[in-house]
Amino acid sequence: MERPTGISLERLNVTQLKTLLGLATIPERAGESLQVAESARLSALLTELCHNEGRSGDLLLTTVCDPATALEVLRGIKELAKRLLAEAPTDAHRNAATVLYHAAIAAGVAHHGTNMSSRPLDARLPLYEDLAATLAGERLGLIFHAAVERARDEAD
């Protein structure tokens, strides 16, 4: 059976995004209790995915969230996320890689005013608005919020 290569987040509403991100943060072992969209779990999943890359999930997330990160570094993280998505062994890992992919694109917009995707930014704004709301209070939520604000400012 062929494994799906990605998840299209663009058609999900806020409730569905919360559920999806919750799946990304659900531990594989029963009995552990984690909050929806907990950064520590997302970081752990990314670290597991990067075991052959020698990278930590926390470093990836910190780098994406840092306004001083160069656009070329963000492009590299976006490409890494695409590879991780293709290699992800579980739905939780695929969800984590998908969030990293979109976070890298959002950071490019927020910090550099550059859409690194071949898709128009307007097509992703509803998704990024929903991710900002879903991840409110998390550092990634701030990235999605900043991307939406910058896109709106540039459209005016």
C-alpha atoms as a PDB file:
ATOM      1  CA  MET A   1       0.000   0.000   0.000  1.00  0.00           C
ATOM      2  CA  GLU A   2       1.329   3.413  -0.941  1.00  0.00           C
ATOM      3  CA  ARG A   3       1.803   5.860   1.922  1.00  0.00           C
ATOM      4  CA  PRO A   4       0.482   9.400   1.545  1.00  0.00           C
ATOM      5  CA  THR A   5       3.243  11.909   0.898  1.00  0.00           C
ATOM      6  CA  GLY A   6       1.628  14.904   2.498  1.00  0.00           C
ATOM      7  CA  ILE A   7      -1.321  16.544   4.114  1.00  0.00           C
ATOM      8  CA  SER A   8      -3.104  19.475   2.588  1.00  0.00           C
ATOM      9  CA  LEU A   9      -3.766  21.826   5.473  1.00  0.00           C
ATOM     10  CA  GLU A  10      -5.309  24.504   3.284  1.00  0.00           C
ATOM     11  CA  ARG A  11      -8.838  23.101   3.482  1.00  0.00           C
ATOM     12  CA  LEU A  12      -8.986  22.615   7.248  1.00  0.00           C
ATOM     13  CA  ASN A  13     -10.881  24.864   9.647  1.00  0.00           C
ATOM     14  CA  VAL A  14      -9.572  25.897  13.089  1.00  0.00           C
ATOM     15  CA  THR A  15     -11.159  22.909  14.840  1.00  0.00           C
ATOM     16  CA  GLN A  16      -9.701  20.481  12.318  1.00  0.00           C
ATOM     17  CA  LEU A  17      -6.269  22.130  12.618  1.00  0.00           C
ATOM     18  CA  LYS A  18      -6.385  21.769  16.402  1.00  0.00           C
ATOM     19  CA  THR A  19      -7.236  18.093  15.967  1.00  0.00           C
ATOM     20  CA  LEU A  20      -4.425  17.607  13.433  1.00  0.00           C
ATOM     21  CA  LEU A  21      -1.873  19.382  15.600  1.00  0.00           C
ATOM     22  CA  GLY A  22      -3.157  17.416  18.557  1.00  0.00           C
ATOM     23  CA  LEU A  23      -2.405  14.217  16.653  1.00  0.00           C
ATOM     24  CA  ALA A  24       1.114  15.489  16.048  1.00  0.00           C
ATOM     25  CA  THR A  25       1.580  15.903  19.762  1.00  0.00           C
ATOM     26  CA  ILE A  26      -0.033  12.676  20.962  1.00  0.00           C
ATOM     27  CA  PRO A  27       2.637  10.421  22.414  1.00  0.00           C
ATOM     28  CA  GLU A  28       3.072   6.976  20.928  1.00  0.00           C
ATOM     29  CA  ARG A  29       2.967   5.459  24.438  1.00  0.00           C
ATOM     30  CA  ALA A  30      -0.354   5.323  26.246  1.00  0.00           C
ATOM     31  CA  GLY A  31      -0.589   7.117  29.552  1.00  0.00           C
ATOM     32  CA  GLU A  32       1.417  10.233  28.664  1.00  0.00           C
ATOM     33  CA  SER A  33      -0.528  13.464  28.835  1.00  0.00           C
ATOM     34  CA  LEU A  34       0.319  16.386  26.584  1.00  0.00           C
ATOM     35  CA  GLN A  35      -1.497  19.532  25.564  1.00  0.00           C
ATOM     36  CA  VAL A  36      -2.516  20.160  21.990  1.00  0.00           C
ATOM     37  CA  ALA A  37       0.259  21.723  19.887  1.00  0.00           C
ATOM     38  CA  GLU A  38       2.851  21.471  22.642  1.00  0.00           C
ATOM     39  CA  SER A  39       6.150  22.700  21.257  1.00  0.00           C
ATOM     40  CA  ALA A  40       8.206  20.194  23.227  1.00  0.00           C
ATOM     41  CA  ARG A  41       6.428  17.257  21.583  1.00  0.00           C
ATOM     42  CA  LEU A  42       6.639  18.836  18.148  1.00  0.00           C
ATOM     43  CA  SER A  43      10.355  19.341  18.763  1.00  0.00           C
ATOM     44  CA  ALA A  44      10.755  15.722  19.854  1.00  0.00           C
ATOM     45  CA  LEU A  45       8.994  14.425  16.743  1.00  0.00           C
ATOM     46  CA  LEU A  46      11.208  16.554  14.513  1.00  0.00           C
ATOM     47  CA  THR A  47      14.315  15.333  16.362  1.00  0.00           C
ATOM     48  CA  GLU A  48      13.198  11.734  15.756  1.00  0.00           C
ATOM     49  CA  LEU A  49      12.725  12.494  12.072  1.00  0.00           C
ATOM     50  CA  CYS A  50      16.154  14.124  11.846  1.00  0.00           C
ATOM     51  CA  HIS A  51      18.095  11.271  13.438  1.00  0.00           C
ATOM     52  CA  ASN A  52      20.017  10.752  10.185  1.00  0.00           C
ATOM     53  CA  GLU A  53      20.446  14.494   9.639  1.00  0.00           C
ATOM     54  CA  GLY A  54      22.112  15.201  12.996  1.00  0.00           C
ATOM     55  CA  ARG A  55      19.684  18.045  13.766  1.00  0.00           C
ATOM     56  CA  SER A  56      17.450  18.697  16.743  1.00  0.00           C
ATOM     57  CA  GLY A  57      13.813  19.667  16.460  1.00  0.00           C
ATOM     58  CA  ASP A  58      14.276  22.424  18.997  1.00  0.00           C
ATOM     59  CA  LEU A  59      17.090  23.960  16.964  1.00  0.00           C
ATOM     60  CA  LEU A  60      14.956  23.807  13.810  1.00  0.00           C
ATOM     61  CA  LEU A  61      12.011  25.496  15.525  1.00  0.00           C
ATOM     62  CA  THR A  62      14.231  28.091  17.180  1.00  0.00           C
ATOM     63  CA  THR A  63      15.907  28.841  13.849  1.00  0.00           C
ATOM     64  CA  VAL A  64      12.573  29.219  12.038  1.00  0.00           C
ATOM     65  CA  CYS A  65      11.300  31.560  14.749  1.00  0.00           C
ATOM     66  CA  ASP A  66      14.430  33.734  14.872  1.00  0.00           C
ATOM     67  CA  PRO A  67      13.974  36.955  12.875  1.00  0.00           C
ATOM     68  CA  ALA A  68      17.737  37.024  12.197  1.00  0.00           C
ATOM     69  CA  THR A  69      17.640  33.704  10.304  1.00  0.00           C
ATOM     70  CA  ALA A  70      18.722  34.228   6.701  1.00  0.00           C
ATOM     71  CA  LEU A  71      16.263  33.512   3.906  1.00  0.00           C
ATOM     72  CA  GLU A  72      18.569  30.839   2.462  1.00  0.00           C
ATOM     73  CA  VAL A  73      18.554  29.007   5.800  1.00  0.00           C
ATOM     74  CA  LEU A  74      14.753  29.110   5.824  1.00  0.00           C
ATOM     75  CA  ARG A  75      14.733  27.718   2.279  1.00  0.00           C
ATOM     76  CA  GLY A  76      16.964  24.893   3.468  1.00  0.00           C
ATOM     77  CA  ILE A  77      14.598  24.135   6.353  1.00  0.00           C
ATOM     78  CA  LYS A  78      11.632  24.150   3.958  1.00  0.00           C
ATOM     79  CA  GLU A  79      13.405  21.618   1.731  1.00  0.00           C
ATOM     80  CA  LEU A  80      14.394  19.546   4.762  1.00  0.00           C
ATOM     81  CA  ALA A  81      10.750  19.521   5.887  1.00  0.00           C
ATOM     82  CA  LYS A  82       9.710  18.207   2.459  1.00  0.00           C
ATOM     83  CA  ARG A  83      12.243  15.367   2.753  1.00  0.00           C
ATOM     84  CA  LEU A  84      11.175  14.613   6.311  1.00  0.00           C
ATOM     85  CA  LEU A  85       7.549  14.509   5.215  1.00  0.00           C
ATOM     86  CA  ALA A  86       8.348  11.951   2.539  1.00  0.00           C
ATOM     87  CA  GLU A  87      10.280   9.787   5.022  1.00  0.00           C
ATOM     88  CA  ALA A  88       7.947  10.158   8.022  1.00  0.00           C
ATOM     89  CA  PRO A  89       6.994   6.776   9.511  1.00  0.00           C
ATOM     90  CA  THR A  90       3.804   7.879  11.325  1.00  0.00           C
ATOM     91  CA  ASP A  91       0.986  10.372  10.995  1.00  0.00           C
ATOM     92  CA  ALA A  92       2.366  12.291  13.977  1.00  0.00           C
ATOM     93  CA  HIS A  93       5.747  12.628  12.248  1.00  0.00           C
ATOM     94  CA  ARG A  94       4.077  13.694   8.981  1.00  0.00           C
ATOM     95  CA  ASN A  95       2.063  16.316  10.859  1.00  0.00           C
ATOM     96  CA  ALA A  96       5.214  17.641  12.538  1.00  0.00           C
ATOM     97  CA  ALA A  97       7.055  17.872   9.199  1.00  0.00           C
ATOM     98  CA  THR A  98       4.060  19.629   7.635  1.00  0.00           C
ATOM     99  CA  VAL A  99       3.977  22.222  10.403  1.00  0.00           C
ATOM    100  CA  LEU A 100       7.735  22.803   9.985  1.00  0.00           C
ATOM    101  CA  TYR A 101       7.281  23.241   6.224  1.00  0.00           C
ATOM    102  CA  HIS A 102       4.572  25.865   6.651  1.00  0.00           C
ATOM    103  CA  ALA A 103       6.472  27.560   9.481  1.00  0.00           C
ATOM    104  CA  ALA A 104       9.514  28.015   7.234  1.00  0.00           C
ATOM    105  CA  ILE A 105       7.363  29.586   4.512  1.00  0.00           C
ATOM    106  CA  ALA A 106       5.595  31.809   7.059  1.00  0.00           C
ATOM    107  CA  ALA A 107       8.948  32.900   8.520  1.00  0.00           C
ATOM    108  CA  GLY A 108      10.153  33.865   5.037  1.00  0.00           C
ATOM    109  CA  VAL A 109       7.120  36.098   4.676  1.00  0.00           C
ATOM    110  CA  ALA A 110       7.186  37.448   8.235  1.00  0.00           C
ATOM    111  CA  HIS A 111      10.900  38.201   8.462  1.00  0.00           C
ATOM    112  CA  HIS A 112      11.925  38.824   4.861  1.00  0.00           C
ATOM    113  CA  GLY A 113       8.753  39.660   2.942  1.00  0.00           C
ATOM    114  CA  THR A 114       9.417  36.711   0.633  1.00  0.00           C
ATOM    115  CA  ASN A 115       7.029  33.914  -0.311  1.00  0.00           C
ATOM    116  CA  MET A 116       9.256  30.857  -0.788  1.00  0.00           C
ATOM    117  CA  SER A 117       6.385  28.787  -2.151  1.00  0.00           C
ATOM    118  CA  SER A 118       5.282  28.406  -5.740  1.00  0.00           C
ATOM    119  CA  ARG A 119       1.720  28.925  -4.479  1.00  0.00           C
ATOM    120  CA  PRO A 120       0.496  32.487  -4.065  1.00  0.00           C
ATOM    121  CA  LEU A 121       0.517  33.726  -0.494  1.00  0.00           C
ATOM    122  CA  ASP A 122      -3.140  34.746  -0.744  1.00  0.00           C
ATOM    123  CA  ALA A 123      -4.012  31.057  -1.073  1.00  0.00           C
ATOM    124  CA  ARG A 124      -2.290  30.310   2.247  1.00  0.00           C
ATOM    125  CA  LEU A 125      -3.477  33.264   4.318  1.00  0.00           C
ATOM    126  CA  PRO A 126      -6.592  31.505   5.646  1.00  0.00           C
ATOM    127  CA  LEU A 127      -4.425  28.552   6.672  1.00  0.00           C
ATOM    128  CA  TYR A 128      -1.879  30.818   8.351  1.00  0.00           C
ATOM    129  CA  GLU A 129      -4.636  32.735  10.136  1.00  0.00           C
ATOM    130  CA  ASP A 130      -5.987  29.429  11.454  1.00  0.00           C
ATOM    131  CA  LEU A 131      -2.520  28.223  12.473  1.00  0.00           C
ATOM    132  CA  ALA A 132      -1.884  31.518  14.271  1.00  0.00           C
ATOM    133  CA  ALA A 133      -5.147  31.055  16.194  1.00  0.00           C
ATOM    134  CA  THR A 134      -4.505  27.369  16.853  1.00  0.00           C
ATOM    135  CA  LEU A 135      -0.949  27.983  18.059  1.00  0.00           C
ATOM    136  CA  ALA A 136      -1.705  31.202  19.963  1.00  0.00           C
ATOM    137  CA  GLY A 137       0.787  31.596  22.788  1.00  0.00           C
ATOM    138  CA  GLU A 138       3.341  29.363  21.056  1.00  0.00           C
ATOM    139  CA  ARG A 139       6.377  30.777  19.262  1.00  0.00           C
ATOM    140  CA  LEU A 140       5.156  29.216  16.007  1.00  0.00           C
ATOM    141  CA  GLY A 141       1.810  30.929  16.408  1.00  0.00           C
ATOM    142  CA  LEU A 142       3.617  34.257  16.451  1.00  0.00           C
ATOM    143  CA  ILE A 143       5.355  33.414  13.150  1.00  0.00           C
ATOM    144  CA  PHE A 144       2.069  32.606  11.424  1.00  0.00           C
ATOM    145  CA  HIS A 145       0.478  35.735  12.888  1.00  0.00           C
ATOM    146  CA  ALA A 146       3.387  37.910  11.721  1.00  0.00           C
ATOM    147  CA  ALA A 147       3.202  36.411   8.209  1.00  0.00           C
ATOM    148  CA  VAL A 148      -0.502  37.220   7.972  1.00  0.00           C
ATOM    149  CA  GLU A 149       0.035  40.764   9.244  1.00  0.00           C
ATOM    150  CA  ARG A 150       2.894  41.430   6.829  1.00  0.00           C
ATOM    151  CA  ALA A 151       0.925  40.074   3.891  1.00  0.00           C
ATOM    152  CA  ARG A 152      -2.019  42.285   4.796  1.00  0.00           C
ATOM    153  CA  ASP A 153       0.217  45.346   5.205  1.00  0.00           C
ATOM    154  CA  GLU A 154       1.792  44.770   1.794  1.00  0.00           C
ATOM    155  CA  ALA A 155      -1.615  44.298   0.182  1.00  0.00           C
ATOM    156  CA  ASP A 156      -2.818  47.687   1.438  1.00  0.00           C
END
